[in-house]
Amino acid sequence: MYETFYGFREKPFSLLPDASFLYLSEKHRMALTLLEYGLMNQAGFTAITGQIGTGKTTLIRHLLTNMEQQHRVGLISNTHRSFGELLQWILMAYGLPHAGKSRVEMYQDFMNFIIGQYGAGKRTVLIVDEAQNMAPETLEELRMLSNVNADKDQVLQIILVGQKELRETLRRPDLIQFAQRIAVDYHLDPLQAEETPEYIAHRLGKAGGDPELFAAEACARIHAASGGVPRLINLLCDTALVYGFAEQAARIGTELVEDVIRDKQQGGLFPIQPERPVETGPKGSTESDPIGVPATDPALDLLKKKSCG
């Protein structure tokens, strides 16, 4: 609708995860660096958490797009508590047959698969998105599967991605053995006030439009209303462009954004953002204690410098 009017090649603020639009804020860059670090150093378990809409899935899509061919990757994203047999979903993630097989047969097939991949010089990586929906018993099954790892090589690496509830689950006393196996973990916070205008400009430019289409005051108002959550920023900006097109506005100003916010909140569907939590943990995280053992390795510093360059 508004793409031609504002000179876009495509919609700049789609709500669908799109790795080509990834904006690497300080926190997103750190999360990506830790994901890459976990792969490079063969971490058995990596956990990335964050509230709804902070860009976790987009990070994973970017990771998958840029992953080396030596990795054989399976992705599970359907993780509601009644999703059924874990081994079935794992076999499906790798395109392996599972119909009519017992648990013992599925387990043996998966073990044969990952050992075969290892023999071919490839590492098997299982990514579980929306992992906060998994029951503690299912998480424990994942830990048991990781027992195939032996000696210095990790035959199977598992990346868990989910909301903050995942961290709470992993801190349960009955999952202490699981938590101790998480070599890398990071909690992804929303964007800071100074990052939101950069995020908006980044997406406008990526779509082929004017990076300064939104006035500075309008960006500040969007940040306040969205709490810095990228998905909510996208929702407000996309609607603002529709309003701007309707009014034939050459630039998106504060008054137009105020109209969008008011209409969204009156409809009762747009969440009013609470005040941001005070940061008590390491920079870039509101968590004061990690899930497992924090990764400290010279390779992490080198990888971070590479990502920043």
Protein backbone atom coordinates (compact mmCIF):
# COMPACT_ATOMS: atom_id res chain seq x y z
CA MET A 1 0.00 0.00 0.00
CA TYR A 2 2.57 2.58 1.13
CA GLU A 3 5.69 1.04 -0.42
CA THR A 4 5.57 3.00 -3.68
CA PHE A 5 4.65 6.27 -1.97
CA TYR A 6 7.69 6.10 0.35
CA GLY A 7 10.01 4.46 -2.17
CA PHE A 8 10.41 1.05 -0.53
CA ARG A 9 11.36 -2.14 -2.36
CA GLU A 10 9.59 -4.13 0.34
CA LYS A 11 7.89 -3.65 3.67
CA PRO A 12 10.50 -2.47 6.20
CA PHE A 13 8.64 -3.51 9.34
CA SER A 14 7.26 -6.97 8.72
CA LEU A 15 6.38 -8.94 11.86
CA LEU A 16 7.88 -12.10 10.35
CA PRO A 17 11.48 -13.00 11.31
CA ASP A 18 13.80 -11.97 8.47
CA ALA A 19 17.54 -12.46 8.90
CA SER A 20 18.29 -9.96 6.12
CA PHE A 21 16.86 -7.19 8.33
CA LEU A 22 18.80 -8.17 11.45
CA TYR A 23 19.96 -5.15 13.43
CA LEU A 24 22.90 -5.98 15.66
CA SER A 25 22.45 -3.92 18.78
CA GLU A 26 25.09 -4.38 21.48
CA LYS A 27 22.98 -7.13 23.07
CA HIS A 28 22.11 -8.85 19.79
CA ARG A 29 25.77 -8.78 18.76
CA MET A 30 26.76 -10.39 22.06
CA ALA A 31 24.06 -13.05 21.74
CA LEU A 32 25.19 -13.86 18.20
CA THR A 33 28.83 -13.95 19.28
CA LEU A 34 27.99 -16.41 22.06
CA LEU A 35 26.01 -18.61 19.67
CA GLU A 36 28.98 -18.69 17.28
CA TYR A 37 31.33 -19.28 20.22
CA GLY A 38 29.26 -22.24 21.36
CA LEU A 39 29.43 -23.80 17.92
CA MET A 40 33.14 -23.11 17.52
CA ASN A 41 34.03 -24.57 20.92
CA GLN A 42 31.62 -27.51 20.66
CA ALA A 43 29.49 -26.51 23.64
CA GLY A 44 27.14 -29.34 24.55
CA PHE A 45 24.30 -26.96 25.48
CA THR A 46 23.78 -23.29 24.66
CA ALA A 47 20.78 -21.29 25.93
CA ILE A 48 19.57 -17.93 24.58
CA THR A 49 16.57 -16.37 26.30
CA GLY A 50 14.64 -13.11 26.07
CA GLN A 51 11.13 -11.72 26.34
CA ILE A 52 8.62 -12.05 23.50
CA GLY A 53 9.56 -10.11 20.38
CA THR A 54 13.19 -9.32 21.21
CA GLY A 55 14.53 -10.99 18.06
CA LYS A 56 15.63 -14.45 19.23
CA THR A 57 14.22 -16.27 16.22
CA THR A 58 15.72 -13.73 13.82
CA LEU A 59 19.12 -14.37 15.40
CA ILE A 60 18.69 -18.10 14.87
CA ARG A 61 17.70 -17.55 11.22
CA HIS A 62 20.85 -15.46 10.75
CA LEU A 63 22.94 -18.17 12.42
CA LEU A 64 21.45 -20.84 10.14
CA THR A 65 22.06 -18.73 7.03
CA ASN A 66 25.73 -18.28 7.87
CA MET A 67 26.46 -21.67 9.39
CA GLU A 68 29.35 -23.69 7.96
CA GLN A 69 28.63 -26.82 5.92
CA GLN A 70 30.35 -29.01 8.50
CA HIS A 71 27.22 -28.75 10.67
CA ARG A 72 24.13 -30.89 10.14
CA VAL A 73 21.32 -28.85 11.65
CA GLY A 74 17.85 -29.85 12.83
CA LEU A 75 15.26 -27.29 13.99
CA ILE A 76 12.30 -27.91 16.29
CA SER A 77 9.92 -24.99 16.74
CA ASN A 78 6.70 -26.78 17.73
CA THR A 79 7.29 -27.20 21.45
CA HIS A 80 3.95 -26.86 23.21
CA ARG A 81 3.58 -29.20 26.18
CA SER A 82 1.37 -31.67 24.31
CA PHE A 83 3.54 -31.87 21.22
CA GLY A 84 4.13 -35.58 21.73
CA GLU A 85 7.12 -37.86 21.49
CA LEU A 86 10.40 -35.91 21.55
CA LEU A 87 12.29 -38.47 19.48
CA GLN A 88 9.69 -38.25 16.71
CA TRP A 89 10.20 -34.51 16.41
CA ILE A 90 13.97 -34.89 16.45
CA LEU A 91 13.91 -37.47 13.66
CA MET A 92 11.54 -35.27 11.65
CA ALA A 93 13.91 -32.32 12.11
CA TYR A 94 16.61 -34.27 10.29
CA GLY A 95 14.33 -35.84 7.71
CA LEU A 96 14.65 -39.32 9.19
CA PRO A 97 11.78 -41.87 9.10
CA HIS A 98 9.92 -42.37 12.35
CA ALA A 99 6.42 -43.69 11.57
CA GLY A 100 5.52 -46.95 13.30
CA LYS A 101 8.79 -47.18 15.22
CA SER A 102 9.16 -47.80 18.94
CA ARG A 103 11.09 -45.43 21.21
CA VAL A 104 14.00 -47.87 21.33
CA GLU A 105 14.11 -48.04 17.53
CA MET A 106 13.92 -44.25 17.18
CA TYR A 107 16.65 -43.78 19.74
CA GLN A 108 18.92 -46.27 18.01
CA ASP A 109 18.24 -44.67 14.61
CA PHE A 110 19.16 -41.25 15.94
CA MET A 111 22.33 -42.53 17.59
CA ASN A 112 23.34 -44.22 14.34
CA PHE A 113 22.63 -41.00 12.46
CA ILE A 114 24.74 -38.69 14.63
CA ILE A 115 27.59 -41.18 14.86
CA GLY A 116 27.46 -41.53 11.09
CA GLN A 117 27.59 -37.73 10.72
CA TYR A 118 30.57 -37.62 13.05
CA GLY A 119 32.33 -40.27 11.01
CA ALA A 120 31.73 -38.12 7.90
CA GLY A 121 33.39 -35.14 9.57
CA LYS A 122 30.16 -33.32 10.40
CA ARG A 123 28.75 -32.15 13.73
CA THR A 124 25.07 -32.57 14.51
CA VAL A 125 23.35 -29.47 15.91
CA LEU A 126 19.80 -29.52 17.28
CA ILE A 127 18.10 -26.13 17.72
CA VAL A 128 14.96 -26.00 19.87
CA ASP A 129 13.02 -22.74 19.49
CA GLU A 130 10.33 -21.68 21.99
CA ALA A 131 11.95 -24.11 24.42
CA GLN A 132 10.19 -22.52 27.41
CA ASN A 133 7.15 -24.64 26.51
CA MET A 134 8.98 -27.91 27.11
CA ALA A 135 8.15 -29.84 30.25
CA PRO A 136 10.98 -30.58 32.71
CA GLU A 137 10.73 -34.26 31.81
CA THR A 138 11.27 -33.44 28.12
CA LEU A 139 14.29 -31.30 28.93
CA GLU A 140 15.68 -34.19 30.93
CA GLU A 141 15.24 -36.41 27.86
CA LEU A 142 17.40 -33.96 25.94
CA ARG A 143 20.08 -34.21 28.60
CA MET A 144 20.03 -37.98 28.38
CA LEU A 145 20.41 -37.80 24.59
CA SER A 146 23.50 -35.66 25.04
CA ASN A 147 25.16 -38.54 26.92
CA VAL A 148 26.28 -39.80 23.53
CA ASN A 149 29.02 -37.15 23.70
CA ALA A 150 32.30 -38.65 24.83
CA ASP A 151 35.93 -37.72 25.20
CA LYS A 152 36.85 -34.29 23.82
CA ASP A 153 34.47 -34.21 20.83
CA GLN A 154 30.82 -33.22 21.03
CA VAL A 155 28.91 -35.49 18.66
CA LEU A 156 25.65 -33.65 19.42
CA GLN A 157 25.27 -29.96 20.23
CA ILE A 158 21.95 -28.55 21.45
CA ILE A 159 20.88 -24.88 21.32
CA LEU A 160 17.84 -23.88 23.40
CA VAL A 161 16.04 -20.64 22.52
CA GLY A 162 13.14 -19.39 24.60
CA GLN A 163 11.52 -16.84 26.85
CA LYS A 164 12.64 -16.08 30.41
CA GLU A 165 10.45 -18.90 31.73
CA LEU A 166 13.03 -21.28 30.27
CA ARG A 167 15.63 -19.93 32.70
CA GLU A 168 13.24 -20.41 35.60
CA THR A 169 12.60 -24.02 34.57
CA LEU A 170 16.30 -24.79 34.20
CA ARG A 171 16.93 -23.53 37.75
CA ARG A 172 14.65 -26.20 39.22
CA PRO A 173 16.46 -28.48 41.70
CA ASP A 174 15.55 -31.57 39.65
CA LEU A 175 17.26 -30.09 36.56
CA ILE A 176 20.55 -29.18 38.23
CA GLN A 177 22.45 -31.75 36.14
CA PHE A 178 21.02 -30.15 33.01
CA ALA A 179 21.91 -26.62 34.12
CA GLN A 180 25.48 -27.65 34.84
CA ARG A 181 25.88 -28.79 31.23
CA ILE A 182 24.94 -25.39 29.78
CA ALA A 183 28.30 -23.98 28.77
CA VAL A 184 26.97 -20.75 27.21
CA ASP A 185 23.88 -18.77 28.13
CA TYR A 186 22.68 -15.20 27.55
CA HIS A 187 19.50 -13.23 28.19
CA LEU A 188 18.53 -10.84 25.39
CA ASP A 189 17.01 -7.54 26.58
CA PRO A 190 14.98 -5.01 24.53
CA LEU A 191 16.67 -2.10 22.76
CA GLN A 192 17.88 0.94 24.67
CA ALA A 193 16.46 4.41 23.92
CA GLU A 194 19.44 5.40 21.78
CA GLU A 195 19.28 2.13 19.80
CA THR A 196 15.64 2.41 18.74
CA PRO A 197 16.19 5.27 16.22
CA GLU A 198 19.16 3.34 14.81
CA TYR A 199 17.00 0.22 14.51
CA ILE A 200 14.24 2.13 12.70
CA ALA A 201 16.72 3.82 10.34
CA HIS A 202 18.42 0.47 9.68
CA ARG A 203 15.20 -1.21 8.57
CA LEU A 204 14.08 1.77 6.50
CA GLY A 205 17.39 1.75 4.65
CA LYS A 206 17.38 -2.02 4.15
CA ALA A 207 13.97 -1.72 2.47
CA GLY A 208 15.32 0.96 0.11
CA GLY A 209 13.71 3.97 1.77
CA ASP A 210 14.88 7.13 3.50
CA PRO A 211 16.57 6.21 6.83
CA GLU A 212 15.45 9.58 8.25
CA LEU A 213 11.78 9.17 7.32
CA PHE A 214 10.81 9.05 11.01
CA ALA A 215 11.49 12.22 13.02
CA ALA A 216 13.74 11.87 16.07
CA GLU A 217 10.90 12.78 18.43
CA ALA A 218 8.66 10.18 16.78
CA CYS A 219 11.33 7.50 17.33
CA ALA A 220 11.60 8.49 21.00
CA ARG A 221 7.84 8.15 21.41
CA ILE A 222 7.88 4.75 19.70
CA HIS A 223 10.59 3.56 22.07
CA ALA A 224 8.64 4.69 25.12
CA ALA A 225 5.46 2.96 23.95
CA SER A 226 7.15 -0.26 22.85
CA GLY A 227 9.65 -0.58 25.69
CA GLY A 228 12.30 -1.17 23.04
CA VAL A 229 10.84 -4.54 21.99
CA PRO A 230 11.62 -4.90 18.26
CA ARG A 231 8.37 -6.65 17.36
CA LEU A 232 6.31 -3.88 18.96
CA ILE A 233 8.49 -1.25 17.28
CA ASN A 234 7.74 -2.95 13.96
CA LEU A 235 4.02 -2.94 14.69
CA LEU A 236 3.96 0.77 15.53
CA CYS A 237 6.19 1.79 12.62
CA ASP A 238 4.26 -0.25 10.06
CA THR A 239 0.97 1.25 11.21
CA ALA A 240 2.49 4.74 11.24
CA LEU A 241 3.45 4.29 7.59
CA VAL A 242 -0.13 3.31 6.76
CA TYR A 243 -1.41 6.42 8.57
CA GLY A 244 1.24 8.54 6.86
CA PHE A 245 0.22 7.25 3.45
CA ALA A 246 -3.44 7.95 4.20
CA GLU A 247 -2.56 11.54 5.08
CA GLN A 248 0.03 11.83 2.28
CA ALA A 249 2.59 12.84 4.88
CA ALA A 250 6.12 13.26 3.51
CA ARG A 251 7.60 12.49 6.95
CA ILE A 252 6.42 10.55 9.98
CA GLY A 253 6.23 12.98 12.89
CA THR A 254 5.32 12.80 16.55
CA GLU A 255 1.67 13.75 16.13
CA LEU A 256 1.06 10.94 13.66
CA VAL A 257 2.82 8.41 15.93
CA GLU A 258 0.74 9.61 18.89
CA ASP A 259 -2.40 8.88 16.85
CA VAL A 260 -1.16 5.36 16.15
CA ILE A 261 -0.30 4.66 19.79
CA ARG A 262 -3.62 6.02 21.04
CA ASP A 263 -5.64 3.96 18.56
CA LYS A 264 -3.65 0.80 19.32
CA GLN A 265 -4.07 1.13 23.05
CA GLN A 266 -7.75 2.02 22.81
CA GLY A 267 -8.27 -1.17 20.85
CA GLY A 268 -6.96 -3.08 23.84
CA LEU A 269 -4.56 -5.27 21.85
CA PHE A 270 -1.35 -3.26 22.14
CA PRO A 271 0.39 -3.88 25.48
CA ILE A 272 1.24 -0.86 27.60
CA GLN A 273 4.89 -1.31 28.47
CA PRO A 274 5.93 -1.36 32.12
CA GLU A 275 9.05 0.41 33.28
CA ARG A 276 12.25 -1.35 32.24
CA PRO A 277 13.88 -3.46 34.96
CA VAL A 278 16.99 -2.17 36.64
CA GLU A 279 20.08 -3.95 35.33
CA THR A 280 21.65 -5.91 38.15
CA GLY A 281 23.71 -8.43 36.19
CA PRO A 282 26.41 -8.11 33.56
CA LYS A 283 26.08 -5.37 30.97
CA GLY A 284 23.37 -6.28 28.50
CA SER A 285 21.46 -8.56 30.84
CA THR A 286 18.96 -8.15 33.67
CA GLU A 287 19.87 -11.54 35.04
CA SER A 288 22.12 -11.50 38.09
CA ASP A 289 23.11 -15.17 37.87
CA PRO A 290 23.71 -17.38 34.84
CA ILE A 291 21.94 -20.67 34.22
CA GLY A 292 25.10 -22.72 33.97
CA VAL A 293 28.80 -22.01 33.95
CA PRO A 294 29.73 -18.78 32.10
CA ALA A 295 32.08 -19.25 29.18
CA THR A 296 35.50 -17.66 29.59
CA ASP A 297 37.92 -18.36 26.79
CA PRO A 298 40.34 -16.29 24.67
CA ALA A 299 38.48 -17.56 21.61
CA LEU A 300 35.40 -15.64 22.76
CA ASP A 301 37.28 -12.35 22.72
CA LEU A 302 38.65 -13.06 19.25
CA LEU A 303 35.21 -14.00 17.97
CA LYS A 304 33.65 -10.88 19.47
CA LYS A 305 36.25 -8.69 17.75
CA LYS A 306 35.51 -10.49 14.49
CA SER A 307 31.76 -9.89 14.84
CA CYS A 308 32.26 -6.23 15.67
CA GLY A 309 34.52 -5.76 12.66
